[in-house]
C-alpha cells in the first residue's frame, strides 16, 4: 500500500483492538491495529463497497 494514512473508528478508543483502513484512489487497505507492521489486505474500491453493503445486513 505504500505511504498511506491508516485510520480506525473513533468508537474504538485509544487502546482497543480493531481493524484500520487506508484509502487510495483505487484501493482500500485493511490491517490489524495490534500489528501495524504486519500484513494488510488490499481490496478494489468496488469490492470493499460491496463488502460494506452486505455487512450492514
PDB file of N, CA and C in Angstrom:
ATOM      1  N   UNK A   1       0.824  -1.197   0.000  1.00  0.00           N
ATOM      2  CA  UNK A   1       0.000   0.000   0.000  1.00  0.00           C
ATOM      3  C   UNK A   1       0.868   1.261   0.000  1.00  0.00           C
ATOM      4  N   UNK A   2       2.135   1.129   0.317  1.00  0.00           N
ATOM      5  CA  UNK A   2       2.997   2.300   0.315  1.00  0.00           C
ATOM      6  C   UNK A   2       2.696   3.234   1.482  1.00  0.00           C
ATOM      7  N   UNK A   3       2.956   4.499   1.304  1.00  0.00           N
ATOM      8  CA  UNK A   3       2.712   5.507   2.342  1.00  0.00           C
ATOM      9  C   UNK A   3       1.257   5.966   2.276  1.00  0.00           C
ATOM     10  N   UNK A   4       0.461   5.490   3.197  1.00  0.00           N
ATOM     11  CA  UNK A   4      -0.948   5.870   3.281  1.00  0.00           C
ATOM     12  C   UNK A   4      -1.278   6.226   4.727  1.00  0.00           C
ATOM     13  N   UNK A   5      -2.380   6.892   4.919  1.00  0.00           N
ATOM     14  CA  UNK A   5      -2.832   7.228   6.269  1.00  0.00           C
ATOM     15  C   UNK A   5      -3.805   6.159   6.744  1.00  0.00           C
ATOM     16  N   UNK A   6      -3.413   5.433   7.776  1.00  0.00           N
ATOM     17  CA  UNK A   6      -4.274   4.407   8.350  1.00  0.00           C
ATOM     18  C   UNK A   6      -5.181   5.043   9.391  1.00  0.00           C
ATOM     19  N   UNK A   7      -6.454   4.648   9.370  1.00  0.00           N
ATOM     20  CA  UNK A   7      -7.440   5.207  10.294  1.00  0.00           C
ATOM     21  C   UNK A   7      -8.247   4.087  10.932  1.00  0.00           C
ATOM     22  N   UNK A   8      -8.699   4.346  12.162  1.00  0.00           N
ATOM     23  CA  UNK A   8      -9.622   3.408  12.798  1.00  0.00           C
ATOM     24  C   UNK A   8     -10.786   4.192  13.365  1.00  0.00           C
ATOM     25  N   UNK A   9     -11.830   3.505  13.691  1.00  0.00           N
ATOM     26  CA  UNK A   9     -13.049   4.141  14.173  1.00  0.00           C
ATOM     27  C   UNK A   9     -12.801   4.915  15.458  1.00  0.00           C
ATOM     28  N   UNK A  10     -13.431   6.065  15.576  1.00  0.00           N
ATOM     29  CA  UNK A  10     -13.333   6.840  16.813  1.00  0.00           C
ATOM     30  C   UNK A  10     -14.025   6.117  17.967  1.00  0.00           C
ATOM     31  N   UNK A  11     -14.873   5.169  17.671  1.00  0.00           N
ATOM     32  CA  UNK A  11     -15.558   4.389  18.701  1.00  0.00           C
ATOM     33  C   UNK A  11     -14.643   3.349  19.346  1.00  0.00           C
ATOM     34  N   UNK A  12     -13.490   3.082  18.736  1.00  0.00           N
ATOM     35  CA  UNK A  12     -12.621   2.020  19.236  1.00  0.00           C
ATOM     36  C   UNK A  12     -11.796   2.445  20.444  1.00  0.00           C
ATOM     37  N   UNK A  13     -11.653   3.731  20.702  1.00  0.00           N
ATOM     38  CA  UNK A  13     -10.845   4.188  21.825  1.00  0.00           C
ATOM     39  C   UNK A  13      -9.363   4.084  21.500  1.00  0.00           C
ATOM     40  N   UNK A  14      -8.528   4.522  22.413  1.00  0.00           N
ATOM     41  CA  UNK A  14      -7.093   4.557  22.125  1.00  0.00           C
ATOM     42  C   UNK A  14      -6.405   3.211  22.283  1.00  0.00           C
ATOM     43  N   UNK A  15      -6.945   2.310  23.090  1.00  0.00           N
ATOM     44  CA  UNK A  15      -6.278   1.031  23.311  1.00  0.00           C
ATOM     45  C   UNK A  15      -7.066  -0.171  22.813  1.00  0.00           C
ATOM     46  N   UNK A  16      -8.157   0.068  22.148  1.00  0.00           N
ATOM     47  CA  UNK A  16      -8.986  -1.037  21.657  1.00  0.00           C
ATOM     48  C   UNK A  16      -8.319  -1.716  20.474  1.00  0.00           C
ATOM     49  N   UNK A  17      -8.547  -2.989  20.352  1.00  0.00           N
ATOM     50  CA  UNK A  17      -8.032  -3.746  19.219  1.00  0.00           C
ATOM     51  C   UNK A  17      -9.101  -3.779  18.144  1.00  0.00           C
ATOM     52  N   UNK A  18      -8.737  -3.333  16.977  1.00  0.00           N
ATOM     53  CA  UNK A  18      -9.711  -3.292  15.900  1.00  0.00           C
ATOM     54  C   UNK A  18      -8.976  -3.311  14.560  1.00  0.00           C
ATOM     55  N   UNK A  19      -9.709  -3.146  13.512  1.00  0.00           N
ATOM     56  CA  UNK A  19      -9.084  -3.042  12.200  1.00  0.00           C
ATOM     57  C   UNK A  19      -8.880  -1.576  11.855  1.00  0.00           C
ATOM     58  N   UNK A  20      -7.914  -1.326  11.002  1.00  0.00           N
ATOM     59  CA  UNK A  20      -7.665   0.013  10.482  1.00  0.00           C
ATOM     60  C   UNK A  20      -7.836  -0.043   8.979  1.00  0.00           C
ATOM     61  N   UNK A  21      -8.245   1.060   8.392  1.00  0.00           N
ATOM     62  CA  UNK A  21      -8.401   1.136   6.945  1.00  0.00           C
ATOM     63  C   UNK A  21      -7.569   2.280   6.398  1.00  0.00           C
ATOM     64  N   UNK A  22      -7.144   2.123   5.158  1.00  0.00           N
ATOM     65  CA  UNK A  22      -6.432   3.171   4.438  1.00  0.00           C
ATOM     66  C   UNK A  22      -7.037   3.261   3.046  1.00  0.00           C
ATOM     67  N   UNK A  23      -7.283   4.473   2.592  1.00  0.00           N
ATOM     68  CA  UNK A  23      -7.911   4.677   1.290  1.00  0.00           C
ATOM     69  C   UNK A  23      -6.916   5.274   0.307  1.00  0.00           C
ATOM     70  N   UNK A  24      -6.907   4.737  -0.901  1.00  0.00           N
ATOM     71  CA  UNK A  24      -6.176   5.348  -2.011  1.00  0.00           C
ATOM     72  C   UNK A  24      -7.212   5.648  -3.094  1.00  0.00           C
ATOM     73  N   UNK A  25      -6.763   6.121  -4.219  1.00  0.00           N
ATOM     74  CA  UNK A  25      -7.718   6.430  -5.282  1.00  0.00           C
ATOM     75  C   UNK A  25      -8.283   5.165  -5.927  1.00  0.00           C
ATOM     76  N   UNK A  26      -7.620   4.034  -5.747  1.00  0.00           N
ATOM     77  CA  UNK A  26      -8.076   2.804  -6.397  1.00  0.00           C
ATOM     78  C   UNK A  26      -8.322   1.629  -5.459  1.00  0.00           C
ATOM     79  N   UNK A  27      -7.833   1.697  -4.231  1.00  0.00           N
ATOM     80  CA  UNK A  27      -7.937   0.552  -3.317  1.00  0.00           C
ATOM     81  C   UNK A  27      -8.240   0.981  -1.888  1.00  0.00           C
ATOM     82  N   UNK A  28      -8.723   0.007  -1.109  1.00  0.00           N
ATOM     83  CA  UNK A  28      -8.900   0.159   0.329  1.00  0.00           C
ATOM     84  C   UNK A  28      -8.048  -0.895   1.000  1.00  0.00           C
ATOM     85  N   UNK A  29      -7.209  -0.463   1.931  1.00  0.00           N
ATOM     86  CA  UNK A  29      -6.384  -1.394   2.688  1.00  0.00           C
ATOM     87  C   UNK A  29      -7.009  -1.646   4.041  1.00  0.00           C
ATOM     88  N   UNK A  30      -6.830  -2.864   4.547  1.00  0.00           N
ATOM     89  CA  UNK A  30      -7.358  -3.249   5.854  1.00  0.00           C
ATOM     90  C   UNK A  30      -6.248  -3.984   6.596  1.00  0.00           C
ATOM     91  N   UNK A  31      -6.011  -3.612   7.860  1.00  0.00           N
ATOM     92  CA  UNK A  31      -4.989  -4.291   8.667  1.00  0.00           C
ATOM     93  C   UNK A  31      -5.421  -4.356  10.123  1.00  0.00           C
ATOM     94  N   UNK A  32      -4.732  -5.169  10.895  1.00  0.00           N
ATOM     95  CA  UNK A  32      -4.986  -5.346  12.322  1.00  0.00           C
ATOM     96  C   UNK A  32      -4.271  -4.234  13.087  1.00  0.00           C
ATOM     97  N   UNK A  33      -4.981  -3.495  13.909  1.00  0.00           N
ATOM     98  CA  UNK A  33      -4.365  -2.389  14.649  1.00  0.00           C
ATOM     99  C   UNK A  33      -3.339  -2.872  15.667  1.00  0.00           C
ATOM    100  N   UNK A  34      -3.427  -4.127  16.112  1.00  0.00           N
ATOM    101  CA  UNK A  34      -2.458  -4.666  17.062  1.00  0.00           C
ATOM    102  C   UNK A  34      -1.114  -4.964  16.395  1.00  0.00           C
ATOM    103  N   UNK A  35      -1.107  -5.071  15.061  1.00  0.00           N
ATOM    104  CA  UNK A  35       0.099  -5.446  14.332  1.00  0.00           C
ATOM    105  C   UNK A  35       0.267  -4.542  13.109  1.00  0.00           C
ATOM    106  N   UNK A  36       0.533  -3.262  13.316  1.00  0.00           N
ATOM    107  CA  UNK A  36       0.585  -2.333  12.194  1.00  0.00           C
ATOM    108  C   UNK A  36       1.705  -2.598  11.191  1.00  0.00           C
ATOM    109  N   UNK A  37       2.744  -3.297  11.594  1.00  0.00           N
ATOM    110  CA  UNK A  37       3.813  -3.620  10.646  1.00  0.00           C
ATOM    111  C   UNK A  37       3.579  -4.970   9.965  1.00  0.00           C
ATOM    112  N   UNK A  38       2.492  -5.627  10.314  1.00  0.00           N
ATOM    113  CA  UNK A  38       2.165  -6.919   9.733  1.00  0.00           C
ATOM    114  C   UNK A  38       1.497  -6.778   8.379  1.00  0.00           C
ATOM    115  N   UNK A  39       0.934  -7.863   7.889  1.00  0.00           N
ATOM    116  CA  UNK A  39       0.316  -7.843   6.560  1.00  0.00           C
ATOM    117  C   UNK A  39      -0.959  -7.010   6.518  1.00  0.00           C
ATOM    118  N   UNK A  40      -1.268  -6.527   5.346  1.00  0.00           N
ATOM    119  CA  UNK A  40      -2.507  -5.783   5.108  1.00  0.00           C
ATOM    120  C   UNK A  40      -3.209  -6.381   3.898  1.00  0.00           C
ATOM    121  N   UNK A  41      -4.506  -6.385   3.932  1.00  0.00           N
ATOM    122  CA  UNK A  41      -5.295  -6.813   2.785  1.00  0.00           C
ATOM    123  C   UNK A  41      -5.599  -5.608   1.924  1.00  0.00           C
ATOM    124  N   UNK A  42      -5.679  -5.806   0.628  1.00  0.00           N
ATOM    125  CA  UNK A  42      -5.986  -4.716  -0.296  1.00  0.00           C
ATOM    126  C   UNK A  42      -7.165  -5.124  -1.160  1.00  0.00           C
ATOM    127  N   UNK A  43      -8.180  -4.270  -1.202  1.00  0.00           N
ATOM    128  CA  UNK A  43      -9.390  -4.532  -1.975  1.00  0.00           C
ATOM    129  C   UNK A  43      -9.620  -3.396  -2.956  1.00  0.00           C
ATOM    130  N   UNK A  44     -10.171  -3.718  -4.119  1.00  0.00           N
ATOM    131  CA  UNK A  44     -10.591  -2.651  -5.025  1.00  0.00           C
ATOM    132  C   UNK A  44     -11.706  -1.880  -4.335  1.00  0.00           C
ATOM    133  N   UNK A  45     -11.900  -0.640  -4.727  1.00  0.00           N
ATOM    134  CA  UNK A  45     -12.948   0.166  -4.103  1.00  0.00           C
ATOM    135  C   UNK A  45     -14.319  -0.466  -4.277  1.00  0.00           C
ATOM    136  N   UNK A  46     -14.585  -1.028  -5.452  1.00  0.00           N
ATOM    137  CA  UNK A  46     -15.895  -1.643  -5.686  1.00  0.00           C
ATOM    138  C   UNK A  46     -16.085  -2.898  -4.830  1.00  0.00           C
ATOM    139  N   UNK A  47     -15.035  -3.684  -4.640  1.00  0.00           N
ATOM    140  CA  UNK A  47     -15.140  -4.885  -3.805  1.00  0.00           C
ATOM    141  C   UNK A  47     -15.372  -4.511  -2.344  1.00  0.00           C
ATOM    142  N   UNK A  48     -14.686  -3.478  -1.864  1.00  0.00           N
ATOM    143  CA  UNK A  48     -14.865  -3.068  -0.476  1.00  0.00           C
ATOM    144  C   UNK A  48     -16.252  -2.467  -0.264  1.00  0.00           C
ATOM    145  N   UNK A  49     -16.733  -1.702  -1.229  1.00  0.00           N
ATOM    146  CA  UNK A  49     -18.086  -1.141  -1.139  1.00  0.00           C
ATOM    147  C   UNK A  49     -19.123  -2.264  -1.085  1.00  0.00           C
ATOM    148  N   UNK A  50     -18.940  -3.292  -1.903  1.00  0.00           N
ATOM    149  CA  UNK A  50     -19.860  -4.431  -1.892  1.00  0.00           C
ATOM    150  C   UNK A  50     -19.818  -5.142  -0.542  1.00  0.00           C
ATOM    151  N   UNK A  51     -18.631  -5.298   0.022  1.00  0.00           N
ATOM    152  CA  UNK A  51     -18.497  -5.916   1.349  1.00  0.00           C
ATOM    153  C   UNK A  51     -19.261  -5.109   2.397  1.00  0.00           C
ATOM    154  N   UNK A  52     -19.069  -3.783   2.414  1.00  0.00           N
ATOM    155  CA  UNK A  52     -19.754  -2.948   3.395  1.00  0.00           C
ATOM    156  C   UNK A  52     -21.265  -2.997   3.230  1.00  0.00           C
ATOM    157  N   UNK A  53     -21.719  -3.013   2.000  1.00  0.00           N
ATOM    158  CA  UNK A  53     -23.161  -3.095   1.741  1.00  0.00           C
ATOM    159  C   UNK A  53     -23.736  -4.383   2.321  1.00  0.00           C
ATOM    160  N   UNK A  54     -23.058  -5.502   2.097  1.00  0.00           N
ATOM    161  CA  UNK A  54     -23.543  -6.792   2.601  1.00  0.00           C
ATOM    162  C   UNK A  54     -23.360  -6.912   4.113  1.00  0.00           C
ATOM    163  N   UNK A  55     -22.341  -6.298   4.668  1.00  0.00           N
ATOM    164  CA  UNK A  55     -22.082  -6.389   6.110  1.00  0.00           C
ATOM    165  C   UNK A  55     -23.124  -5.637   6.924  1.00  0.00           C
ATOM    166  N   UNK A  56     -23.809  -4.693   6.341  1.00  0.00           N
ATOM    167  CA  UNK A  56     -24.805  -3.898   7.054  1.00  0.00           C
ATOM    168  C   UNK A  56     -26.079  -4.683   7.340  1.00  0.00           C
ATOM    169  N   UNK A  57     -26.276  -5.818   6.679  1.00  0.00           N
ATOM    170  CA  UNK A  57     -27.484  -6.611   6.885  1.00  0.00           C
ATOM    171  C   UNK A  57     -27.353  -7.372   8.130  1.00  0.00           C
TER     172      UNK A  57
END
